[in-house]
Amino acid sequence: MWSMALSSIALFFQGKLFAEPGKAYRQIAIGAAVTAAVLIVLGLVGAPVWAAAVVAGLIGGAIQPYLFRDLKYR
């Protein structure tokens, strides 16, 4: 299991894990931007930092399957 994870990490950083690496990187960036935006908005509204981080993390994690649904692996 550990070797499979290391292999996947190595392929990701070599740009060989996804059939279209540019699309995968774009989807990762969109997810990170949405998570950051939610965190900032909740912080500006006055939510405690810990609560804003939890909610932003949940929302960011929840959109990942939607963002990655069309990605093809090699």
PDB file of N, CA and C in Angstrom:
ATOM      1  N   MET A   1       0.822  -1.185   0.000  1.00  0.00           N
ATOM      2  CA  MET A   1       0.000   0.000   0.000  1.00  0.00           C
ATOM      3  C   MET A   1       0.867   1.251   0.000  1.00  0.00           C
ATOM      4  N   TRP A   2       1.895   1.252   0.845  1.00  0.00           N
ATOM      5  CA  TRP A   2       2.787   2.402   0.935  1.00  0.00           C
ATOM      6  C   TRP A   2       3.518   2.621  -0.389  1.00  0.00           C
ATOM      7  N   SER A   3       3.975   1.543  -1.033  1.00  0.00           N
ATOM      8  CA  SER A   3       4.691   1.685  -2.301  1.00  0.00           C
ATOM      9  C   SER A   3       3.763   2.203  -3.400  1.00  0.00           C
ATOM     10  N   MET A   4       2.495   1.818  -3.368  1.00  0.00           N
ATOM     11  CA  MET A   4       1.541   2.328  -4.347  1.00  0.00           C
ATOM     12  C   MET A   4       1.342   3.834  -4.167  1.00  0.00           C
ATOM     13  N   ALA A   5       1.242   4.291  -2.927  1.00  0.00           N
ATOM     14  CA  ALA A   5       1.087   5.715  -2.660  1.00  0.00           C
ATOM     15  C   ALA A   5       2.317   6.487  -3.121  1.00  0.00           C
ATOM     16  N   LEU A   6       3.501   5.963  -2.825  1.00  0.00           N
ATOM     17  CA  LEU A   6       4.730   6.629  -3.259  1.00  0.00           C
ATOM     18  C   LEU A   6       4.841   6.662  -4.780  1.00  0.00           C
ATOM     19  N   SER A   7       4.442   5.585  -5.417  1.00  0.00           N
ATOM     20  CA  SER A   7       4.467   5.529  -6.878  1.00  0.00           C
ATOM     21  C   SER A   7       3.516   6.562  -7.479  1.00  0.00           C
ATOM     22  N   SER A   8       2.319   6.677  -6.918  1.00  0.00           N
ATOM     23  CA  SER A   8       1.349   7.659  -7.407  1.00  0.00           C
ATOM     24  C   SER A   8       1.846   9.086  -7.204  1.00  0.00           C
ATOM     25  N   ILE A   9       2.454   9.342  -6.063  1.00  0.00           N
ATOM     26  CA  ILE A   9       3.006  10.674  -5.798  1.00  0.00           C
ATOM     27  C   ILE A   9       4.102  11.001  -6.798  1.00  0.00           C
ATOM     28  N   ALA A  10       4.984  10.046  -7.039  1.00  0.00           N
ATOM     29  CA  ALA A  10       6.071  10.265  -7.999  1.00  0.00           C
ATOM     30  C   ALA A  10       5.525  10.521  -9.399  1.00  0.00           C
ATOM     31  N   LEU A  11       4.544   9.739  -9.816  1.00  0.00           N
ATOM     32  CA  LEU A  11       3.949   9.944 -11.142  1.00  0.00           C
ATOM     33  C   LEU A  11       3.247  11.300 -11.232  1.00  0.00           C
ATOM     34  N   PHE A  12       2.606  11.717 -10.155  1.00  0.00           N
ATOM     35  CA  PHE A  12       1.940  13.014 -10.153  1.00  0.00           C
ATOM     36  C   PHE A  12       2.939  14.137 -10.383  1.00  0.00           C
ATOM     37  N   PHE A  13       4.050  14.123  -9.641  1.00  0.00           N
ATOM     38  CA  PHE A  13       5.027  15.200  -9.754  1.00  0.00           C
ATOM     39  C   PHE A  13       5.838  15.122 -11.047  1.00  0.00           C
ATOM     40  N   GLN A  14       5.867  13.963 -11.671  1.00  0.00           N
ATOM     41  CA  GLN A  14       6.513  13.836 -12.977  1.00  0.00           C
ATOM     42  C   GLN A  14       5.564  14.219 -14.103  1.00  0.00           C
ATOM     43  N   GLY A  15       4.291  14.429 -13.777  1.00  0.00           N
ATOM     44  CA  GLY A  15       3.303  14.787 -14.782  1.00  0.00           C
ATOM     45  C   GLY A  15       2.819  13.594 -15.588  1.00  0.00           C
ATOM     46  N   LYS A  16       2.953  12.383 -15.053  1.00  0.00           N
ATOM     47  CA  LYS A  16       2.584  11.174 -15.779  1.00  0.00           C
ATOM     48  C   LYS A  16       1.386  10.439 -15.180  1.00  0.00           C
ATOM     49  N   LEU A  17       0.762  10.985 -14.147  1.00  0.00           N
ATOM     50  CA  LEU A  17      -0.352  10.294 -13.510  1.00  0.00           C
ATOM     51  C   LEU A  17      -1.646  10.485 -14.293  1.00  0.00           C
ATOM     52  N   PHE A  18      -1.856  11.680 -14.806  1.00  0.00           N
ATOM     53  CA  PHE A  18      -3.080  11.998 -15.521  1.00  0.00           C
ATOM     54  C   PHE A  18      -2.827  12.031 -17.020  1.00  0.00           C
ATOM     55  N   ALA A  19      -3.847  11.678 -17.800  1.00  0.00           N
ATOM     56  CA  ALA A  19      -3.723  11.728 -19.256  1.00  0.00           C
ATOM     57  C   ALA A  19      -3.594  13.177 -19.722  1.00  0.00           C
ATOM     58  N   GLU A  20      -4.264  14.093 -19.035  1.00  0.00           N
ATOM     59  CA  GLU A  20      -4.194  15.517 -19.352  1.00  0.00           C
ATOM     60  C   GLU A  20      -3.749  16.267 -18.089  1.00  0.00           C
ATOM     61  N   PRO A  21      -2.448  16.371 -17.858  1.00  0.00           N
ATOM     62  CA  PRO A  21      -1.970  16.995 -16.611  1.00  0.00           C
ATOM     63  C   PRO A  21      -2.432  18.444 -16.456  1.00  0.00           C
ATOM     64  N   GLY A  22      -2.503  19.184 -17.542  1.00  0.00           N
ATOM     65  CA  GLY A  22      -2.932  20.573 -17.446  1.00  0.00           C
ATOM     66  C   GLY A  22      -4.341  20.709 -16.899  1.00  0.00           C
ATOM     67  N   LYS A  23      -5.227  19.831 -17.335  1.00  0.00           N
ATOM     68  CA  LYS A  23      -6.604  19.851 -16.845  1.00  0.00           C
ATOM     69  C   LYS A  23      -6.644  19.496 -15.360  1.00  0.00           C
ATOM     70  N   ALA A  24      -5.842  18.527 -14.957  1.00  0.00           N
ATOM     71  CA  ALA A  24      -5.806  18.135 -13.544  1.00  0.00           C
ATOM     72  C   ALA A  24      -5.292  19.281 -12.682  1.00  0.00           C
ATOM     73  N   TYR A  25      -4.242  19.946 -13.113  1.00  0.00           N
ATOM     74  CA  TYR A  25      -3.700  21.061 -12.343  1.00  0.00           C
ATOM     75  C   TYR A  25      -4.695  22.212 -12.269  1.00  0.00           C
ATOM     76  N   ARG A  26      -5.427  22.440 -13.359  1.00  0.00           N
ATOM     77  CA  ARG A  26      -6.440  23.498 -13.367  1.00  0.00           C
ATOM     78  C   ARG A  26      -7.554  23.172 -12.362  1.00  0.00           C
ATOM     79  N   GLN A  27      -7.988  21.924 -12.323  1.00  0.00           N
ATOM     80  CA  GLN A  27      -9.047  21.523 -11.399  1.00  0.00           C
ATOM     81  C   GLN A  27      -8.571  21.626  -9.941  1.00  0.00           C
ATOM     82  N   ILE A  28      -7.324  21.282  -9.699  1.00  0.00           N
ATOM     83  CA  ILE A  28      -6.763  21.427  -8.350  1.00  0.00           C
ATOM     84  C   ILE A  28      -6.737  22.892  -7.951  1.00  0.00           C
ATOM     85  N   ALA A  29      -6.338  23.763  -8.877  1.00  0.00           N
ATOM     86  CA  ALA A  29      -6.286  25.200  -8.602  1.00  0.00           C
ATOM     87  C   ALA A  29      -7.681  25.769  -8.346  1.00  0.00           C
ATOM     88  N   ILE A  30      -8.675  25.297  -9.102  1.00  0.00           N
ATOM     89  CA  ILE A  30     -10.048  25.756  -8.875  1.00  0.00           C
ATOM     90  C   ILE A  30     -10.512  25.354  -7.481  1.00  0.00           C
ATOM     91  N   GLY A  31     -10.249  24.125  -7.092  1.00  0.00           N
ATOM     92  CA  GLY A  31     -10.633  23.668  -5.754  1.00  0.00           C
ATOM     93  C   GLY A  31      -9.946  24.462  -4.652  1.00  0.00           C
ATOM     94  N   ALA A  32      -8.669  24.743  -4.827  1.00  0.00           N
ATOM     95  CA  ALA A  32      -7.934  25.530  -3.828  1.00  0.00           C
ATOM     96  C   ALA A  32      -8.464  26.958  -3.767  1.00  0.00           C
ATOM     97  N   ALA A  33      -8.795  27.533  -4.920  1.00  0.00           N
ATOM     98  CA  ALA A  33      -9.323  28.901  -4.952  1.00  0.00           C
ATOM     99  C   ALA A  33     -10.687  28.986  -4.281  1.00  0.00           C
ATOM    100  N   VAL A  34     -11.546  28.015  -4.532  1.00  0.00           N
ATOM    101  CA  VAL A  34     -12.869  28.006  -3.898  1.00  0.00           C
ATOM    102  C   VAL A  34     -12.714  27.869  -2.387  1.00  0.00           C
ATOM    103  N   THR A  35     -11.846  26.985  -1.950  1.00  0.00           N
ATOM    104  CA  THR A  35     -11.619  26.794  -0.518  1.00  0.00           C
ATOM    105  C   THR A  35     -11.083  28.071   0.125  1.00  0.00           C
ATOM    106  N   ALA A  36     -10.120  28.712  -0.527  1.00  0.00           N
ATOM    107  CA  ALA A  36      -9.561  29.960   0.002  1.00  0.00           C
ATOM    108  C   ALA A  36     -10.612  31.060   0.042  1.00  0.00           C
ATOM    109  N   ALA A  37     -11.436  31.141  -1.000  1.00  0.00           N
ATOM    110  CA  ALA A  37     -12.476  32.171  -1.042  1.00  0.00           C
ATOM    111  C   ALA A  37     -13.483  31.978   0.086  1.00  0.00           C
ATOM    112  N   VAL A  38     -13.887  30.735   0.320  1.00  0.00           N
ATOM    113  CA  VAL A  38     -14.831  30.463   1.412  1.00  0.00           C
ATOM    114  C   VAL A  38     -14.201  30.831   2.752  1.00  0.00           C
ATOM    115  N   LEU A  39     -12.944  30.489   2.929  1.00  0.00           N
ATOM    116  CA  LEU A  39     -12.247  30.809   4.175  1.00  0.00           C
ATOM    117  C   LEU A  39     -12.187  32.325   4.390  1.00  0.00           C
ATOM    118  N   ILE A  40     -11.848  33.061   3.353  1.00  0.00           N
ATOM    119  CA  ILE A  40     -11.741  34.513   3.472  1.00  0.00           C
ATOM    120  C   ILE A  40     -13.102  35.147   3.744  1.00  0.00           C
ATOM    121  N   VAL A  41     -14.114  34.712   3.017  1.00  0.00           N
ATOM    122  CA  VAL A  41     -15.455  35.272   3.218  1.00  0.00           C
ATOM    123  C   VAL A  41     -15.952  35.004   4.634  1.00  0.00           C
ATOM    124  N   LEU A  42     -15.779  33.789   5.098  1.00  0.00           N
ATOM    125  CA  LEU A  42     -16.217  33.472   6.463  1.00  0.00           C
ATOM    126  C   LEU A  42     -15.420  34.263   7.498  1.00  0.00           C
ATOM    127  N   GLY A  43     -14.138  34.476   7.226  1.00  0.00           N
ATOM    128  CA  GLY A  43     -13.332  35.289   8.131  1.00  0.00           C
ATOM    129  C   GLY A  43     -13.797  36.734   8.162  1.00  0.00           C
ATOM    130  N   LEU A  44     -14.166  37.276   6.998  1.00  0.00           N
ATOM    131  CA  LEU A  44     -14.651  38.656   6.934  1.00  0.00           C
ATOM    132  C   LEU A  44     -16.016  38.812   7.591  1.00  0.00           C
ATOM    133  N   VAL A  45     -16.829  37.755   7.541  1.00  0.00           N
ATOM    134  CA  VAL A  45     -18.149  37.796   8.163  1.00  0.00           C
ATOM    135  C   VAL A  45     -18.027  37.807   9.681  1.00  0.00           C
ATOM    136  N   GLY A  46     -16.926  37.301  10.183  1.00  0.00           N
ATOM    137  CA  GLY A  46     -16.710  37.316  11.624  1.00  0.00           C
ATOM    138  C   GLY A  46     -16.705  35.959  12.275  1.00  0.00           C
ATOM    139  N   ALA A  47     -16.688  34.910  11.473  1.00  0.00           N
ATOM    140  CA  ALA A  47     -16.635  33.560  12.041  1.00  0.00           C
ATOM    141  C   ALA A  47     -15.266  33.335  12.681  1.00  0.00           C
ATOM    142  N   PRO A  48     -15.219  32.553  13.734  1.00  0.00           N
ATOM    143  CA  PRO A  48     -13.910  32.216  14.320  1.00  0.00           C
ATOM    144  C   PRO A  48     -13.047  31.497  13.275  1.00  0.00           C
ATOM    145  N   VAL A  49     -11.764  31.708  13.351  1.00  0.00           N
ATOM    146  CA  VAL A  49     -10.851  31.138  12.357  1.00  0.00           C
ATOM    147  C   VAL A  49     -10.976  29.621  12.300  1.00  0.00           C
ATOM    148  N   TRP A  50     -11.090  28.972  13.440  1.00  0.00           N
ATOM    149  CA  TRP A  50     -11.174  27.504  13.442  1.00  0.00           C
ATOM    150  C   TRP A  50     -12.446  27.035  12.741  1.00  0.00           C
ATOM    151  N   ALA A  51     -13.560  27.736  12.959  1.00  0.00           N
ATOM    152  CA  ALA A  51     -14.817  27.343  12.323  1.00  0.00           C
ATOM    153  C   ALA A  51     -14.771  27.614  10.825  1.00  0.00           C
ATOM    154  N   ALA A  52     -14.198  28.755  10.449  1.00  0.00           N
ATOM    155  CA  ALA A  52     -14.071  29.088   9.034  1.00  0.00           C
ATOM    156  C   ALA A  52     -13.198  28.055   8.321  1.00  0.00           C
ATOM    157  N   ALA A  53     -12.128  27.612   8.973  1.00  0.00           N
ATOM    158  CA  ALA A  53     -11.240  26.613   8.380  1.00  0.00           C
ATOM    159  C   ALA A  53     -11.948  25.270   8.223  1.00  0.00           C
ATOM    160  N   VAL A  54     -12.729  24.886   9.210  1.00  0.00           N
ATOM    161  CA  VAL A  54     -13.457  23.609   9.139  1.00  0.00           C
ATOM    162  C   VAL A  54     -14.478  23.646   8.004  1.00  0.00           C
ATOM    163  N   VAL A  55     -15.260  24.714   7.934  1.00  0.00           N
ATOM    164  CA  VAL A  55     -16.293  24.821   6.897  1.00  0.00           C
ATOM    165  C   VAL A  55     -15.652  24.900   5.514  1.00  0.00           C
ATOM    166  N   ALA A  56     -14.601  25.699   5.369  1.00  0.00           N
ATOM    167  CA  ALA A  56     -13.921  25.820   4.082  1.00  0.00           C
ATOM    168  C   ALA A  56     -13.325  24.480   3.659  1.00  0.00           C
ATOM    169  N   GLY A  57     -12.748  23.762   4.599  1.00  0.00           N
ATOM    170  CA  GLY A  57     -12.197  22.440   4.290  1.00  0.00           C
ATOM    171  C   GLY A  57     -13.259  21.446   3.870  1.00  0.00           C
ATOM    172  N   LEU A  58     -14.398  21.485   4.542  1.00  0.00           N
ATOM    173  CA  LEU A  58     -15.499  20.591   4.168  1.00  0.00           C
ATOM    174  C   LEU A  58     -16.029  20.908   2.772  1.00  0.00           C
ATOM    175  N   ILE A  59     -16.203  22.191   2.488  1.00  0.00           N
ATOM    176  CA  ILE A  59     -16.704  22.581   1.165  1.00  0.00           C
ATOM    177  C   ILE A  59     -15.673  22.258   0.091  1.00  0.00           C
ATOM    178  N   GLY A  60     -14.409  22.564   0.360  1.00  0.00           N
ATOM    179  CA  GLY A  60     -13.354  22.253  -0.601  1.00  0.00           C
ATOM    180  C   GLY A  60     -13.236  20.762  -0.868  1.00  0.00           C
ATOM    181  N   GLY A  61     -13.353  19.957   0.165  1.00  0.00           N
ATOM    182  CA  GLY A  61     -13.304  18.506  -0.006  1.00  0.00           C
ATOM    183  C   GLY A  61     -14.526  17.952  -0.711  1.00  0.00           C
ATOM    184  N   ALA A  62     -15.659  18.595  -0.479  1.00  0.00           N
ATOM    185  CA  ALA A  62     -16.902  18.125  -1.095  1.00  0.00           C
ATOM    186  C   ALA A  62     -16.943  18.388  -2.594  1.00  0.00           C
ATOM    187  N   ILE A  63     -16.257  19.428  -3.064  1.00  0.00           N
ATOM    188  CA  ILE A  63     -16.294  19.723  -4.504  1.00  0.00           C
ATOM    189  C   ILE A  63     -15.250  18.948  -5.299  1.00  0.00           C
ATOM    190  N   GLN A  64     -14.297  18.310  -4.621  1.00  0.00           N
ATOM    191  CA  GLN A  64     -13.255  17.572  -5.344  1.00  0.00           C
ATOM    192  C   GLN A  64     -13.809  16.452  -6.227  1.00  0.00           C
ATOM    193  N   PRO A  65     -14.729  15.628  -5.769  1.00  0.00           N
ATOM    194  CA  PRO A  65     -15.261  14.599  -6.666  1.00  0.00           C
ATOM    195  C   PRO A  65     -15.934  15.194  -7.895  1.00  0.00           C
ATOM    196  N   TYR A  66     -16.615  16.315  -7.726  1.00  0.00           N
ATOM    197  CA  TYR A  66     -17.245  16.992  -8.860  1.00  0.00           C
ATOM    198  C   TYR A  66     -16.184  17.500  -9.837  1.00  0.00           C
ATOM    199  N   LEU A  67     -15.122  18.102  -9.305  1.00  0.00           N
ATOM    200  CA  LEU A  67     -14.072  18.641 -10.172  1.00  0.00           C
ATOM    201  C   LEU A  67     -13.283  17.536 -10.876  1.00  0.00           C
ATOM    202  N   PHE A  68     -13.100  16.399 -10.212  1.00  0.00           N
ATOM    203  CA  PHE A  68     -12.255  15.334 -10.764  1.00  0.00           C
ATOM    204  C   PHE A  68     -13.039  14.258 -11.505  1.00  0.00           C
ATOM    205  N   ARG A  69     -14.318  14.448 -11.710  1.00  0.00           N
ATOM    206  CA  ARG A  69     -15.145  13.380 -12.287  1.00  0.00           C
ATOM    207  C   ARG A  69     -14.767  13.013 -13.714  1.00  0.00           C
ATOM    208  N   ASP A  70     -14.212  13.940 -14.481  1.00  0.00           N
ATOM    209  CA  ASP A  70     -13.895  13.675 -15.882  1.00  0.00           C
ATOM    210  C   ASP A  70     -12.406  13.461 -16.147  1.00  0.00           C
ATOM    211  N   LEU A  71     -11.586  13.415 -15.095  1.00  0.00           N
ATOM    212  CA  LEU A  71     -10.149  13.230 -15.290  1.00  0.00           C
ATOM    213  C   LEU A  71      -9.848  11.785 -15.681  1.00  0.00           C
ATOM    214  N   LYS A  72      -8.948  11.636 -16.605  1.00  0.00           N
ATOM    215  CA  LYS A  72      -8.510  10.305 -17.058  1.00  0.00           C
ATOM    216  C   LYS A  72      -7.107  10.044 -16.521  1.00  0.00           C
ATOM    217  N   TYR A  73      -6.900   8.845 -16.018  1.00  0.00           N
ATOM    218  CA  TYR A  73      -5.585   8.439 -15.515  1.00  0.00           C
ATOM    219  C   TYR A  73      -4.881   7.607 -16.561  1.00  0.00           C
ATOM    220  N   ARG A  74      -3.561   7.599 -16.487  1.00  0.00           N
ATOM    221  CA  ARG A  74      -2.764   6.761 -17.408  1.00  0.00           C
ATOM    222  C   ARG A  74      -2.637   5.368 -16.884  1.00  0.00           C
TER     223      ARG A  74
END
